[in-house]
């Protein structure tokens, strides 16, 4: 677990969480490895976990008519699946390892238990998630503006 705490500190994936919060968070993580081409999850799978990319890269895509549309590519230190920690809705897209990839996985059920047991951690974690999602939404809005303006 010490290695996970060190990684979480250095990654910047959870800005604003103090060391004690990161130690609590690390206590509910699992490390998983995926070969290139393997799926972390598919569109419409249950949204029961989130991931931090420790090494490698992941592409997020949707089946479209015709073919697949890559939505984004993510790399080391980035989060994915965090929406499911808030709304527990099915996955909105598919996540696929582009190269050999290692992720740190957090199950929603474990996080919810931790928040129930440690409300101060919960406040810190939810504040961090709100900031992260806000940044992502602003970035998406900027990208859409560029597409509309520049076609």
N, C-alpha and C. Protein backbone atom coordinates (compact mmCIF):
# COMPACT_ATOMS: atom_id res chain seq x y z
N UNK A 1 0.82 -1.20 0.00
CA UNK A 1 0.00 0.00 0.00
C UNK A 1 0.86 1.26 0.00
N UNK A 2 2.04 1.20 0.60
CA UNK A 2 2.92 2.38 0.62
C UNK A 2 3.22 2.86 -0.80
N UNK A 3 3.45 1.92 -1.73
CA UNK A 3 3.73 2.31 -3.10
C UNK A 3 2.54 3.02 -3.73
N UNK A 4 1.33 2.58 -3.42
CA UNK A 4 0.13 3.23 -3.95
C UNK A 4 0.02 4.64 -3.39
N UNK A 5 0.27 4.82 -2.10
CA UNK A 5 0.22 6.15 -1.49
C UNK A 5 1.24 7.07 -2.17
N UNK A 6 2.46 6.57 -2.35
CA UNK A 6 3.48 7.38 -3.02
C UNK A 6 3.05 7.75 -4.43
N UNK A 7 2.50 6.78 -5.16
CA UNK A 7 2.05 7.07 -6.52
C UNK A 7 0.94 8.12 -6.50
N UNK A 8 -0.03 7.97 -5.61
CA UNK A 8 -1.14 8.92 -5.55
C UNK A 8 -0.64 10.32 -5.22
N UNK A 9 0.35 10.43 -4.33
CA UNK A 9 0.94 11.73 -3.99
C UNK A 9 1.58 12.38 -5.22
N UNK A 10 2.41 11.61 -5.92
CA UNK A 10 3.17 12.13 -7.05
C UNK A 10 2.31 12.37 -8.29
N UNK A 11 1.24 11.60 -8.42
CA UNK A 11 0.45 11.64 -9.66
C UNK A 11 -0.32 12.94 -9.84
N UNK A 12 -0.74 13.54 -8.75
CA UNK A 12 -1.59 14.72 -8.87
C UNK A 12 -3.01 14.38 -9.28
N UNK A 13 -3.36 13.09 -9.29
CA UNK A 13 -4.70 12.67 -9.71
C UNK A 13 -5.76 13.12 -8.71
N UNK A 14 -5.35 13.35 -7.47
CA UNK A 14 -6.30 13.76 -6.44
C UNK A 14 -5.82 15.04 -5.76
N UNK A 15 -5.83 16.14 -6.50
CA UNK A 15 -5.34 17.41 -5.92
C UNK A 15 -6.21 17.81 -4.72
N UNK A 16 -5.56 18.29 -3.70
CA UNK A 16 -6.30 18.75 -2.53
C UNK A 16 -6.46 17.69 -1.45
N UNK A 17 -6.21 16.41 -1.78
CA UNK A 17 -6.30 15.39 -0.74
C UNK A 17 -4.98 15.37 0.03
N UNK A 18 -5.09 15.41 1.32
CA UNK A 18 -3.91 15.39 2.18
C UNK A 18 -3.41 13.94 2.33
N UNK A 19 -2.22 13.79 2.90
CA UNK A 19 -1.62 12.46 3.01
C UNK A 19 -2.53 11.48 3.75
N UNK A 20 -3.16 11.91 4.83
CA UNK A 20 -4.06 11.01 5.56
C UNK A 20 -5.20 10.53 4.67
N UNK A 21 -5.73 11.44 3.83
CA UNK A 21 -6.79 11.06 2.89
C UNK A 21 -6.28 10.04 1.88
N UNK A 22 -5.06 10.26 1.38
CA UNK A 22 -4.48 9.35 0.40
C UNK A 22 -4.22 7.97 0.99
N UNK A 23 -3.83 7.93 2.26
CA UNK A 23 -3.62 6.64 2.94
C UNK A 23 -4.95 5.89 3.03
N UNK A 24 -6.02 6.60 3.40
CA UNK A 24 -7.35 5.98 3.46
C UNK A 24 -7.77 5.48 2.08
N UNK A 25 -7.57 6.31 1.07
CA UNK A 25 -7.94 5.95 -0.29
C UNK A 25 -7.15 4.72 -0.76
N UNK A 26 -5.85 4.72 -0.50
CA UNK A 26 -5.00 3.60 -0.92
C UNK A 26 -5.45 2.28 -0.29
N UNK A 27 -6.06 2.36 0.89
CA UNK A 27 -6.47 1.14 1.59
C UNK A 27 -7.60 0.40 0.88
N UNK A 28 -8.28 1.07 -0.07
CA UNK A 28 -9.40 0.42 -0.77
C UNK A 28 -9.11 0.22 -2.26
N UNK A 29 -7.85 0.30 -2.64
CA UNK A 29 -7.49 0.16 -4.06
C UNK A 29 -7.02 -1.25 -4.40
N UNK A 30 -7.12 -1.56 -5.68
CA UNK A 30 -6.54 -2.78 -6.24
C UNK A 30 -5.75 -2.39 -7.48
N UNK A 31 -4.64 -3.05 -7.70
CA UNK A 31 -3.83 -2.81 -8.90
C UNK A 31 -4.20 -3.87 -9.93
N UNK A 32 -4.49 -3.42 -11.15
CA UNK A 32 -4.84 -4.34 -12.24
C UNK A 32 -3.98 -4.04 -13.45
N UNK A 33 -3.68 -5.08 -14.21
CA UNK A 33 -2.88 -4.95 -15.43
C UNK A 33 -3.70 -5.41 -16.63
N UNK A 34 -3.56 -4.67 -17.73
CA UNK A 34 -4.28 -4.98 -18.96
C UNK A 34 -3.30 -5.00 -20.12
N UNK A 35 -3.39 -6.04 -20.96
CA UNK A 35 -2.59 -6.10 -22.18
C UNK A 35 -3.22 -5.16 -23.22
N UNK A 36 -2.42 -4.78 -24.20
CA UNK A 36 -2.94 -3.94 -25.29
C UNK A 36 -4.15 -4.62 -25.92
N UNK A 37 -5.19 -3.84 -26.14
CA UNK A 37 -6.40 -4.36 -26.77
C UNK A 37 -7.44 -4.89 -25.80
N UNK A 38 -7.08 -5.07 -24.54
CA UNK A 38 -8.03 -5.58 -23.54
C UNK A 38 -8.92 -4.44 -23.04
N UNK A 39 -10.16 -4.76 -22.76
CA UNK A 39 -11.13 -3.77 -22.31
C UNK A 39 -11.17 -3.70 -20.78
N UNK A 40 -11.18 -2.48 -20.26
CA UNK A 40 -11.40 -2.28 -18.83
C UNK A 40 -12.88 -2.40 -18.54
N UNK A 41 -13.69 -1.83 -19.44
CA UNK A 41 -15.13 -1.95 -19.36
C UNK A 41 -15.72 -1.59 -20.71
N UNK A 42 -16.97 -2.02 -20.91
CA UNK A 42 -17.68 -1.76 -22.16
C UNK A 42 -18.83 -0.79 -21.90
N UNK A 43 -19.19 -0.07 -22.94
CA UNK A 43 -20.35 0.80 -22.87
C UNK A 43 -21.54 0.00 -22.35
N UNK A 44 -22.29 0.58 -21.45
CA UNK A 44 -23.47 0.00 -20.80
C UNK A 44 -23.16 -1.02 -19.70
N UNK A 45 -21.88 -1.31 -19.44
CA UNK A 45 -21.54 -2.12 -18.27
C UNK A 45 -21.94 -1.34 -17.01
N UNK A 46 -22.14 -2.04 -15.90
CA UNK A 46 -22.44 -1.32 -14.65
C UNK A 46 -21.31 -0.37 -14.29
N UNK A 47 -21.67 0.80 -13.82
CA UNK A 47 -20.67 1.79 -13.39
C UNK A 47 -20.36 1.59 -11.92
N UNK A 48 -19.43 0.69 -11.62
CA UNK A 48 -19.18 0.33 -10.23
C UNK A 48 -17.77 0.63 -9.75
N UNK A 49 -16.98 1.34 -10.56
CA UNK A 49 -15.59 1.58 -10.18
C UNK A 49 -15.01 2.74 -10.98
N UNK A 50 -13.88 3.22 -10.47
CA UNK A 50 -13.09 4.22 -11.20
C UNK A 50 -11.64 3.76 -11.22
N UNK A 51 -10.85 4.39 -12.08
CA UNK A 51 -9.47 3.97 -12.29
C UNK A 51 -8.55 5.18 -12.34
N UNK A 52 -7.31 4.99 -11.89
CA UNK A 52 -6.22 5.94 -12.09
C UNK A 52 -5.19 5.20 -12.91
N UNK A 53 -4.75 5.78 -14.02
CA UNK A 53 -3.77 5.11 -14.86
C UNK A 53 -2.38 5.28 -14.23
N UNK A 54 -1.78 4.17 -13.85
CA UNK A 54 -0.45 4.18 -13.25
C UNK A 54 0.63 4.13 -14.33
N UNK A 55 0.36 3.41 -15.41
CA UNK A 55 1.30 3.30 -16.53
C UNK A 55 0.51 2.87 -17.76
N UNK A 56 0.94 3.35 -18.92
CA UNK A 56 0.29 2.98 -20.17
C UNK A 56 -0.70 4.03 -20.64
N UNK A 57 -1.61 3.60 -21.51
CA UNK A 57 -2.61 4.54 -22.02
C UNK A 57 -3.89 3.79 -22.38
N UNK A 58 -4.97 4.53 -22.36
CA UNK A 58 -6.30 3.98 -22.59
C UNK A 58 -7.04 4.88 -23.55
N UNK A 59 -7.76 4.28 -24.49
CA UNK A 59 -8.62 5.08 -25.35
C UNK A 59 -10.06 4.81 -24.94
N UNK A 60 -10.84 5.87 -24.99
CA UNK A 60 -12.26 5.80 -24.68
C UNK A 60 -12.99 5.95 -26.00
N UNK A 61 -13.87 4.99 -26.32
CA UNK A 61 -14.57 5.03 -27.60
C UNK A 61 -16.02 4.59 -27.46
N UNK A 62 -16.80 4.95 -28.48
CA UNK A 62 -18.20 4.56 -28.56
C UNK A 62 -18.45 3.89 -29.89
N UNK A 63 -19.32 2.90 -29.89
CA UNK A 63 -19.80 2.32 -31.14
C UNK A 63 -20.74 3.34 -31.78
N UNK A 64 -20.47 3.66 -33.03
CA UNK A 64 -21.30 4.61 -33.77
C UNK A 64 -21.75 3.92 -35.05
N UNK A 65 -22.67 4.51 -35.70
CA UNK A 65 -23.12 3.96 -36.98
C UNK A 65 -22.61 4.84 -38.09
N UNK A 66 -21.64 4.48 -38.86
CA UNK A 66 -20.90 3.21 -38.87
C UNK A 66 -19.63 3.31 -38.04
N UNK A 67 -19.16 2.21 -37.54
CA UNK A 67 -17.85 2.09 -36.89
C UNK A 67 -17.77 2.63 -35.49
N UNK A 68 -16.52 2.84 -35.07
CA UNK A 68 -16.23 3.33 -33.73
C UNK A 68 -15.72 4.76 -33.80
N UNK A 69 -16.02 5.52 -32.76
CA UNK A 69 -15.55 6.90 -32.65
C UNK A 69 -14.74 7.01 -31.37
N UNK A 70 -13.44 7.33 -31.50
CA UNK A 70 -12.61 7.55 -30.32
C UNK A 70 -12.97 8.90 -29.74
N UNK A 71 -13.32 8.90 -28.47
CA UNK A 71 -13.72 10.13 -27.79
C UNK A 71 -12.49 10.85 -27.24
N UNK A 72 -11.62 10.08 -26.60
CA UNK A 72 -10.41 10.67 -26.03
C UNK A 72 -9.40 9.57 -25.74
N UNK A 73 -8.18 9.99 -25.53
CA UNK A 73 -7.12 9.08 -25.08
C UNK A 73 -6.60 9.60 -23.75
N UNK A 74 -6.33 8.68 -22.84
CA UNK A 74 -5.88 9.04 -21.51
C UNK A 74 -4.55 8.35 -21.24
N UNK A 75 -3.73 8.98 -20.40
CA UNK A 75 -2.42 8.41 -20.09
C UNK A 75 -2.14 8.49 -18.59
N UNK A 76 -0.91 8.22 -18.24
CA UNK A 76 -0.50 8.12 -16.84
C UNK A 76 -1.02 9.29 -16.01
N UNK A 77 -1.49 8.97 -14.82
CA UNK A 77 -1.99 9.90 -13.80
C UNK A 77 -3.40 10.41 -14.05
N UNK A 78 -4.03 9.99 -15.14
CA UNK A 78 -5.38 10.47 -15.41
C UNK A 78 -6.42 9.51 -14.84
N UNK A 79 -7.58 10.08 -14.54
CA UNK A 79 -8.70 9.32 -13.99
C UNK A 79 -9.66 8.93 -15.10
N UNK A 80 -10.34 7.80 -14.90
CA UNK A 80 -11.45 7.45 -15.77
C UNK A 80 -12.48 6.68 -14.98
N UNK A 81 -13.71 6.78 -15.41
CA UNK A 81 -14.81 6.10 -14.74
C UNK A 81 -15.30 6.81 -13.50
N UNK A 82 -14.84 8.02 -13.27
CA UNK A 82 -15.20 8.70 -12.02
C UNK A 82 -16.66 9.11 -11.96
N UNK A 83 -17.31 9.27 -13.12
CA UNK A 83 -18.74 9.61 -13.09
C UNK A 83 -19.54 8.54 -12.37
N UNK A 84 -19.14 7.28 -12.53
CA UNK A 84 -19.88 6.19 -11.90
C UNK A 84 -19.78 6.24 -10.37
N UNK A 85 -18.81 6.95 -9.85
CA UNK A 85 -18.69 7.09 -8.40
C UNK A 85 -19.75 8.04 -7.86
N UNK A 86 -20.31 8.85 -8.74
CA UNK A 86 -21.29 9.83 -8.33
C UNK A 86 -22.71 9.38 -8.65
N UNK A 87 -22.93 8.86 -9.87
CA UNK A 87 -24.31 8.58 -10.27
C UNK A 87 -24.64 7.09 -10.44
N UNK A 88 -23.66 6.22 -10.37
CA UNK A 88 -23.86 4.76 -10.49
C UNK A 88 -24.61 4.36 -11.76
N UNK A 89 -24.55 5.18 -12.78
CA UNK A 89 -25.17 4.87 -14.07
C UNK A 89 -24.28 3.92 -14.86
N UNK A 90 -24.84 3.23 -15.85
CA UNK A 90 -24.01 2.37 -16.71
C UNK A 90 -22.94 3.20 -17.44
N UNK A 91 -21.88 2.52 -17.86
CA UNK A 91 -20.79 3.18 -18.57
C UNK A 91 -21.30 3.84 -19.84
N UNK A 92 -20.82 5.04 -20.11
CA UNK A 92 -21.27 5.79 -21.29
C UNK A 92 -20.41 5.51 -22.51
N UNK A 93 -19.30 4.80 -22.33
CA UNK A 93 -18.40 4.48 -23.43
C UNK A 93 -17.56 3.26 -23.04
N UNK A 94 -16.73 2.82 -23.96
CA UNK A 94 -15.84 1.67 -23.74
C UNK A 94 -14.43 2.17 -23.48
N UNK A 95 -13.72 1.53 -22.56
CA UNK A 95 -12.32 1.87 -22.25
C UNK A 95 -11.44 0.69 -22.64
N UNK A 96 -10.44 0.96 -23.47
CA UNK A 96 -9.55 -0.08 -24.00
C UNK A 96 -8.09 0.30 -23.80
N UNK A 97 -7.30 -0.65 -23.31
CA UNK A 97 -5.86 -0.41 -23.17
C UNK A 97 -5.23 -0.32 -24.56
N UNK A 98 -4.47 0.74 -24.80
CA UNK A 98 -3.79 0.92 -26.09
C UNK A 98 -2.48 0.14 -26.10
N UNK A 99 -1.80 0.16 -24.99
CA UNK A 99 -0.55 -0.58 -24.77
C UNK A 99 -0.70 -1.31 -23.44
N UNK A 100 0.28 -2.09 -23.04
CA UNK A 100 0.24 -2.70 -21.71
C UNK A 100 0.03 -1.59 -20.69
N UNK A 101 -0.99 -1.75 -19.86
CA UNK A 101 -1.42 -0.67 -18.98
C UNK A 101 -1.66 -1.20 -17.57
N UNK A 102 -1.23 -0.40 -16.59
CA UNK A 102 -1.50 -0.72 -15.20
C UNK A 102 -2.38 0.37 -14.63
N UNK A 103 -3.43 -0.06 -13.92
CA UNK A 103 -4.35 0.91 -13.33
C UNK A 103 -4.53 0.61 -11.84
N UNK A 104 -4.92 1.63 -11.12
CA UNK A 104 -5.32 1.50 -9.73
C UNK A 104 -6.84 1.62 -9.74
N UNK A 105 -7.51 0.59 -9.27
CA UNK A 105 -8.96 0.52 -9.33
C UNK A 105 -9.57 0.78 -7.95
N UNK A 106 -10.63 1.58 -7.94
CA UNK A 106 -11.38 1.87 -6.71
C UNK A 106 -12.83 1.48 -6.96
N UNK A 107 -13.34 0.57 -6.17
CA UNK A 107 -14.73 0.14 -6.28
C UNK A 107 -15.63 1.15 -5.58
N UNK A 108 -16.76 1.47 -6.20
CA UNK A 108 -17.71 2.42 -5.62
C UNK A 108 -18.21 1.95 -4.26
N UNK A 109 -18.46 0.66 -4.13
CA UNK A 109 -18.97 0.14 -2.84
C UNK A 109 -17.95 0.36 -1.72
N UNK A 110 -16.66 0.16 -2.02
CA UNK A 110 -15.61 0.39 -1.02
C UNK A 110 -15.49 1.87 -0.67
N UNK A 111 -15.57 2.71 -1.69
CA UNK A 111 -15.47 4.15 -1.46
C UNK A 111 -16.65 4.64 -0.62
N UNK A 112 -17.85 4.15 -0.93
CA UNK A 112 -19.02 4.57 -0.16
C UNK A 112 -18.91 4.16 1.31
N UNK A 113 -18.40 2.96 1.57
CA UNK A 113 -18.19 2.53 2.96
C UNK A 113 -17.17 3.42 3.66
N UNK A 114 -16.09 3.76 2.95
CA UNK A 114 -15.07 4.63 3.53
C UNK A 114 -15.64 6.01 3.84
N UNK A 115 -16.44 6.54 2.94
CA UNK A 115 -17.06 7.85 3.17
C UNK A 115 -18.00 7.79 4.37
N UNK A 116 -18.77 6.71 4.47
CA UNK A 116 -19.68 6.56 5.62
C UNK A 116 -18.91 6.49 6.94
N UNK A 117 -17.76 5.81 6.95
CA UNK A 117 -16.97 5.65 8.17
C UNK A 117 -16.16 6.91 8.50
N UNK A 118 -15.80 7.66 7.45
CA UNK A 118 -14.90 8.80 7.62
C UNK A 118 -15.46 10.01 6.88
N UNK A 119 -16.44 10.69 7.46
CA UNK A 119 -17.11 11.79 6.77
C UNK A 119 -16.17 12.93 6.33
N UNK A 120 -15.14 13.20 7.13
CA UNK A 120 -14.20 14.27 6.74
C UNK A 120 -13.49 13.90 5.44
N UNK A 121 -13.07 12.64 5.33
CA UNK A 121 -12.50 12.17 4.07
C UNK A 121 -13.51 12.36 2.95
N UNK A 122 -14.76 12.01 3.20
CA UNK A 122 -15.81 12.13 2.19
C UNK A 122 -15.95 13.55 1.67
N UNK A 123 -15.92 14.52 2.56
CA UNK A 123 -16.00 15.92 2.14
C UNK A 123 -14.81 16.28 1.26
N UNK A 124 -13.62 15.90 1.69
CA UNK A 124 -12.41 16.20 0.90
C UNK A 124 -12.47 15.52 -0.47
N UNK A 125 -12.86 14.24 -0.48
CA UNK A 125 -12.90 13.49 -1.74
C UNK A 125 -13.94 14.07 -2.69
N UNK A 126 -15.12 14.35 -2.19
CA UNK A 126 -16.18 14.89 -3.06
C UNK A 126 -15.84 16.29 -3.57
N UNK A 127 -15.16 17.10 -2.77
CA UNK A 127 -14.70 18.41 -3.23
C UNK A 127 -13.71 18.24 -4.38
N UNK A 128 -12.77 17.29 -4.21
CA UNK A 128 -11.78 17.02 -5.26
C UNK A 128 -12.47 16.52 -6.54
N UNK A 129 -13.45 15.62 -6.39
CA UNK A 129 -14.16 15.09 -7.56
C UNK A 129 -14.92 16.19 -8.28
N UNK A 130 -15.54 17.08 -7.52
CA UNK A 130 -16.28 18.19 -8.11
C UNK A 130 -15.35 19.07 -8.94
N UNK A 131 -14.19 19.39 -8.41
CA UNK A 131 -13.22 20.20 -9.15
C UNK A 131 -12.74 19.48 -10.41
N UNK A 132 -12.46 18.19 -10.29
CA UNK A 132 -11.99 17.41 -11.43
C UNK A 132 -13.04 17.36 -12.53
N UNK A 133 -14.28 17.08 -12.16
CA UNK A 133 -15.35 17.02 -13.16
C UNK A 133 -15.64 18.38 -13.77
N UNK A 134 -15.53 19.43 -12.96
CA UNK A 134 -15.73 20.78 -13.47
C UNK A 134 -14.69 21.12 -14.53
N UNK A 135 -13.42 20.77 -14.26
CA UNK A 135 -12.35 21.01 -15.24
C UNK A 135 -12.61 20.25 -16.53
N UNK A 136 -13.03 18.99 -16.38
CA UNK A 136 -13.29 18.16 -17.55
C UNK A 136 -14.45 18.72 -18.37
N UNK A 137 -15.49 19.18 -17.71
CA UNK A 137 -16.64 19.77 -18.40
C UNK A 137 -16.25 21.05 -19.12
N UNK A 138 -15.46 21.88 -18.48
CA UNK A 138 -15.00 23.11 -19.14
C UNK A 138 -14.15 22.79 -20.36
N UNK A 139 -13.28 21.79 -20.25
CA UNK A 139 -12.45 21.37 -21.38
C UNK A 139 -13.31 20.87 -22.54
N UNK A 140 -14.31 20.06 -22.22
CA UNK A 140 -15.22 19.55 -23.26
C UNK A 140 -15.97 20.69 -23.93
N UNK A 141 -16.42 21.65 -23.14
CA UNK A 141 -17.13 22.81 -23.70
C UNK A 141 -16.22 23.58 -24.64
N UNK A 142 -14.96 23.77 -24.26
CA UNK A 142 -14.00 24.45 -25.14
C UNK A 142 -13.81 23.69 -26.45
N UNK A 143 -13.67 22.37 -26.36
CA UNK A 143 -13.49 21.57 -27.57
C UNK A 143 -14.71 21.66 -28.48
N UNK A 144 -15.89 21.64 -27.91
CA UNK A 144 -17.11 21.76 -28.71
C UNK A 144 -17.20 23.13 -29.38
N UNK A 145 -16.80 24.18 -28.66
CA UNK A 145 -16.78 25.53 -29.26
C UNK A 145 -15.87 25.57 -30.48
N UNK A 146 -14.69 24.97 -30.34
CA UNK A 146 -13.74 24.95 -31.45
C UNK A 146 -14.32 24.20 -32.64
N UNK A 147 -15.03 23.08 -32.38
CA UNK A 147 -15.62 22.33 -33.47
C UNK A 147 -16.72 23.12 -34.16
N UNK A 148 -17.49 23.85 -33.40
CA UNK A 148 -18.58 24.65 -33.98
C UNK A 148 -18.00 25.82 -34.78
N UNK A 149 -17.00 26.49 -34.22
CA UNK A 149 -16.42 27.67 -34.87
C UNK A 149 -15.58 27.28 -36.08
N UNK A 150 -14.73 26.25 -35.91
CA UNK A 150 -13.80 25.90 -36.96
C UNK A 150 -14.25 24.70 -37.80
N UNK A 151 -15.34 24.08 -37.40
CA UNK A 151 -15.90 22.95 -38.15
C UNK A 151 -14.97 21.83 -38.22
